[in-house]
N, C-alpha and C. Protein backbone atom coordinates (compact mmCIF):
# COMPACT_ATOMS: atom_id res chain seq x y z
N MET A 1 0.91 -1.06 0.23
CA MET A 1 0.00 0.00 0.08
C MET A 1 0.80 1.15 0.04
N THR A 2 0.52 2.01 -0.83
CA THR A 2 1.40 3.35 -1.04
C THR A 2 0.77 4.27 0.00
N VAL A 3 1.54 5.26 0.59
CA VAL A 3 0.94 6.11 1.58
C VAL A 3 1.49 7.62 1.00
N ALA A 4 0.50 8.33 1.05
CA ALA A 4 0.81 10.05 0.89
C ALA A 4 -0.05 10.92 1.92
N THR A 5 0.72 11.99 2.10
CA THR A 5 -0.01 13.14 2.85
C THR A 5 -1.06 13.71 1.95
N ILE A 6 -2.17 14.24 2.44
CA ILE A 6 -2.93 15.09 1.79
C ILE A 6 -2.55 16.07 0.83
N SER A 7 -1.46 16.82 1.16
CA SER A 7 -0.78 17.91 0.47
C SER A 7 -0.12 17.24 -0.75
N ASP A 8 0.59 16.08 -0.67
CA ASP A 8 1.27 15.31 -1.66
C ASP A 8 0.10 14.73 -2.82
N PHE A 9 -0.83 14.34 -2.18
CA PHE A 9 -2.08 13.72 -2.81
C PHE A 9 -2.46 14.72 -3.93
N ARG A 10 -2.97 15.88 -3.10
CA ARG A 10 -3.46 17.07 -3.98
C ARG A 10 -2.54 17.58 -5.11
N ALA A 11 -1.44 17.65 -5.05
CA ALA A 11 -0.23 17.78 -5.95
C ALA A 11 -0.09 16.84 -7.02
N ASN A 12 -0.27 15.66 -6.73
CA ASN A 12 -0.33 14.68 -7.53
C ASN A 12 -1.19 13.72 -7.87
N VAL A 13 -2.61 14.39 -7.90
CA VAL A 13 -3.69 13.53 -7.99
C VAL A 13 -3.76 12.50 -9.31
N LYS A 14 -3.38 12.90 -10.17
CA LYS A 14 -3.40 12.02 -11.46
C LYS A 14 -2.47 11.14 -11.71
N ARG A 15 -1.21 11.11 -10.90
CA ARG A 15 -0.23 10.06 -10.75
C ARG A 15 -0.53 8.99 -9.84
N TYR A 16 -1.26 9.60 -8.79
CA TYR A 16 -1.83 8.41 -7.46
C TYR A 16 -2.90 7.69 -8.16
N VAL A 17 -3.85 8.37 -8.93
CA VAL A 17 -5.03 7.57 -9.26
C VAL A 17 -4.64 6.59 -10.35
N ASP A 18 -3.76 7.15 -11.24
CA ASP A 18 -3.45 6.28 -12.26
C ASP A 18 -2.73 5.27 -11.88
N ASP A 19 -1.71 5.19 -10.67
CA ASP A 19 -0.94 4.01 -10.00
C ASP A 19 -2.01 2.93 -9.29
N VAL A 20 -3.04 3.62 -8.91
CA VAL A 20 -4.21 2.91 -8.28
C VAL A 20 -4.76 1.88 -8.98
N ILE A 21 -5.41 2.70 -10.13
CA ILE A 21 -5.91 2.06 -11.07
C ILE A 21 -5.13 0.79 -12.19
N ASN A 22 -3.96 1.34 -12.63
CA ASN A 22 -3.17 0.52 -13.42
C ASN A 22 -2.41 -0.53 -12.31
N ASN A 23 -2.54 -0.57 -11.23
CA ASN A 23 -1.63 -1.72 -10.60
C ASN A 23 -2.50 -2.35 -9.27
N SER A 24 -3.74 -2.10 -9.37
CA SER A 24 -4.74 -2.78 -8.39
C SER A 24 -4.37 -2.40 -7.19
N GLY A 25 -3.57 -1.47 -6.96
CA GLY A 25 -3.31 -1.16 -5.50
C GLY A 25 -4.19 -0.15 -4.72
N SER A 26 -3.74 0.39 -3.82
CA SER A 26 -4.49 1.14 -2.92
C SER A 26 -3.45 2.41 -2.34
N LEU A 27 -4.25 3.43 -2.05
CA LEU A 27 -3.31 4.50 -1.35
C LEU A 27 -4.19 4.94 -0.24
N LEU A 28 -3.23 4.93 0.83
CA LEU A 28 -3.59 5.63 2.28
C LEU A 28 -3.21 6.98 2.25
N ILE A 29 -4.18 7.96 2.30
CA ILE A 29 -3.98 9.42 2.45
C ILE A 29 -3.93 9.69 3.93
N ASN A 30 -3.15 10.33 4.29
CA ASN A 30 -3.03 10.80 5.81
C ASN A 30 -3.41 12.36 5.76
N ARG A 31 -4.21 12.77 6.80
CA ARG A 31 -4.58 14.13 6.81
C ARG A 31 -4.78 14.52 8.38
N GLY A 32 -3.44 14.70 8.82
CA GLY A 32 -3.40 14.73 10.32
C GLY A 32 -3.62 13.76 11.12
N ASN A 33 -4.66 13.70 11.96
CA ASN A 33 -4.88 12.14 12.77
C ASN A 33 -6.10 11.35 12.25
N THR A 34 -6.28 11.48 11.04
CA THR A 34 -7.20 10.86 10.15
C THR A 34 -6.49 10.47 8.76
N ALA A 35 -7.20 9.53 8.15
CA ALA A 35 -6.95 8.91 6.84
C ALA A 35 -7.97 8.47 6.28
N ALA A 36 -7.68 8.31 4.91
CA ALA A 36 -8.73 7.97 3.90
C ALA A 36 -7.85 6.89 3.03
N VAL A 37 -8.51 5.82 2.26
CA VAL A 37 -8.04 5.00 1.41
C VAL A 37 -8.71 5.03 0.09
N LEU A 38 -7.74 5.31 -0.72
CA LEU A 38 -8.31 5.28 -2.43
C LEU A 38 -8.18 3.91 -2.91
N ILE A 39 -9.09 3.35 -3.55
CA ILE A 39 -9.03 2.01 -4.35
C ILE A 39 -9.90 2.14 -5.59
N SER A 40 -9.15 1.22 -6.29
CA SER A 40 -9.85 1.50 -7.84
C SER A 40 -11.31 0.88 -7.78
N LEU A 41 -12.18 1.11 -8.78
CA LEU A 41 -13.33 0.65 -8.85
C LEU A 41 -13.65 -0.92 -8.91
N ASP A 42 -12.63 -1.33 -9.56
CA ASP A 42 -12.61 -2.94 -9.74
C ASP A 42 -12.39 -3.75 -8.29
N GLU A 43 -11.63 -3.02 -7.43
CA GLU A 43 -11.14 -3.63 -6.06
C GLU A 43 -12.56 -3.23 -5.16
N TYR A 44 -13.22 -2.10 -5.44
CA TYR A 44 -14.18 -1.88 -4.75
C TYR A 44 -15.43 -2.85 -4.93
N ASN A 45 -15.78 -2.75 -6.35
CA ASN A 45 -16.71 -4.04 -6.78
C ASN A 45 -16.27 -5.37 -5.89
N SER A 46 -14.94 -5.82 -6.24
CA SER A 46 -14.75 -6.86 -5.45
C SER A 46 -15.13 -7.12 -4.01
N ILE A 47 -14.78 -6.11 -3.38
CA ILE A 47 -15.07 -6.01 -2.02
C ILE A 47 -16.53 -6.07 -1.96
N LYS A 48 -17.33 -5.34 -2.48
CA LYS A 48 -18.87 -5.34 -2.35
C LYS A 48 -19.35 -6.83 -2.58
N GLU A 49 -18.69 -7.55 -3.66
CA GLU A 49 -19.29 -8.57 -4.16
C GLU A 49 -18.89 -9.77 -2.87
N THR A 50 -17.77 -9.82 -2.29
CA THR A 50 -17.29 -10.40 -1.25
C THR A 50 -18.21 -10.26 -0.02
N GLU A 51 -18.65 -8.94 0.27
CA GLU A 51 -19.70 -8.64 1.51
C GLU A 51 -20.88 -9.21 1.14
N LYS A 52 -21.29 -9.27 -0.13
CA LYS A 52 -22.45 -10.04 -0.47
C LYS A 52 -22.87 -11.36 -0.03
N VAL A 53 -21.56 -12.08 -0.67
CA VAL A 53 -21.62 -13.59 -0.54
C VAL A 53 -21.49 -13.83 0.85
N LEU A 54 -20.64 -13.13 1.69
CA LEU A 54 -20.56 -13.40 2.96
C LEU A 54 -21.45 -13.15 3.93
N SER A 55 -22.31 -12.07 3.57
CA SER A 55 -23.54 -11.81 4.29
C SER A 55 -24.85 -12.73 3.99
N SER A 56 -24.59 -13.41 2.83
CA SER A 56 -25.78 -14.25 2.75
C SER A 56 -25.50 -15.62 3.11
N GLU A 57 -26.36 -16.07 4.15
CA GLU A 57 -26.25 -17.49 4.63
C GLU A 57 -26.07 -18.66 3.74
N ARG A 58 -27.11 -18.71 2.79
CA ARG A 58 -27.00 -19.47 1.71
C ARG A 58 -25.73 -19.58 0.92
N LEU A 59 -25.26 -18.26 0.38
CA LEU A 59 -23.97 -18.40 -0.37
C LEU A 59 -22.84 -18.58 0.35
N SER A 60 -22.88 -18.07 1.67
CA SER A 60 -21.63 -18.61 2.42
C SER A 60 -21.52 -19.92 2.83
N GLY A 61 -22.73 -20.62 2.94
CA GLY A 61 -22.63 -21.95 3.12
C GLY A 61 -22.21 -22.79 2.10
N ARG A 62 -22.62 -22.40 0.81
CA ARG A 62 -22.20 -23.04 -0.57
C ARG A 62 -20.71 -22.97 -0.49
N LEU A 63 -20.30 -21.66 -0.13
CA LEU A 63 -18.60 -21.47 -0.24
C LEU A 63 -17.86 -22.29 0.74
N GLU A 64 -18.51 -22.44 1.78
CA GLU A 64 -17.92 -23.09 2.90
C GLU A 64 -17.77 -24.71 2.62
N THR A 65 -18.89 -25.31 2.07
CA THR A 65 -18.69 -26.67 1.49
C THR A 65 -17.85 -26.88 0.37
N GLY A 66 -17.78 -25.92 -0.42
CA GLY A 66 -16.98 -26.20 -1.68
C GLY A 66 -15.51 -25.95 -1.18
N ILE A 67 -15.16 -25.27 -0.28
CA ILE A 67 -13.83 -25.07 0.37
C ILE A 67 -13.56 -26.46 0.81
N GLU A 68 -14.48 -26.88 1.82
CA GLU A 68 -14.29 -28.19 2.47
C GLU A 68 -14.02 -29.57 1.59
N GLU A 69 -14.83 -29.42 0.49
CA GLU A 69 -14.70 -30.55 -0.53
C GLU A 69 -13.34 -30.36 -1.08
N LEU A 70 -12.80 -29.33 -1.40
CA LEU A 70 -11.63 -29.02 -2.08
C LEU A 70 -10.45 -29.58 -1.07
N ASN A 71 -10.47 -29.06 0.30
CA ASN A 71 -9.45 -29.61 1.06
C ASN A 71 -9.55 -30.88 1.39
N SER A 72 -10.71 -31.65 1.41
CA SER A 72 -10.63 -32.96 1.56
C SER A 72 -10.45 -33.84 0.25
N GLY A 73 -10.29 -33.25 -0.89
CA GLY A 73 -10.00 -34.13 -2.04
C GLY A 73 -10.99 -34.47 -2.86
N LYS A 74 -12.36 -33.99 -2.64
CA LYS A 74 -13.54 -34.24 -3.20
C LYS A 74 -13.76 -33.58 -4.40
N ALA A 75 -12.88 -32.58 -4.65
CA ALA A 75 -13.27 -31.38 -5.91
C ALA A 75 -12.90 -32.34 -7.11
N VAL A 76 -13.44 -32.11 -8.30
CA VAL A 76 -13.25 -32.60 -9.43
C VAL A 76 -12.85 -31.64 -10.56
N ALA A 77 -11.98 -31.78 -11.19
CA ALA A 77 -11.47 -30.81 -12.02
C ALA A 77 -12.38 -30.89 -13.31
N VAL A 78 -12.90 -29.72 -13.87
CA VAL A 78 -13.74 -29.53 -15.03
C VAL A 78 -13.21 -28.79 -15.89
N ASP A 79 -13.07 -29.04 -17.29
CA ASP A 79 -12.91 -28.31 -18.23
C ASP A 79 -14.22 -27.42 -18.66
N ILE A 80 -14.13 -26.24 -18.72
CA ILE A 80 -15.29 -25.45 -18.90
C ILE A 80 -15.68 -25.66 -20.33
N ASP A 81 -14.68 -25.60 -21.31
CA ASP A 81 -15.14 -26.19 -22.61
C ASP A 81 -15.90 -27.24 -22.92
N GLU A 82 -15.72 -28.15 -22.05
CA GLU A 82 -16.62 -29.34 -22.24
C GLU A 82 -18.07 -29.42 -21.50
N LEU A 83 -18.30 -28.39 -20.79
CA LEU A 83 -19.70 -28.28 -20.22
C LEU A 83 -20.67 -27.84 -21.36
């Protein structure tokens, strides 16, 4: 994670935004005793999708079952082109 002061961020907004978008990174912007984080839209959407899955009892249960099957060797590799 890159870190910048609010003054440096203001002076270099384009560079920081381009870096976050192009490198799927994040930027911690310090402003005195507080801070903010800048992330790309793709990263934000990924976080929101994860929240959705984990907040749904049904979806999180399916995810947990899948992980258990994978860890116990019960998972089967499938070629998506053959489906």
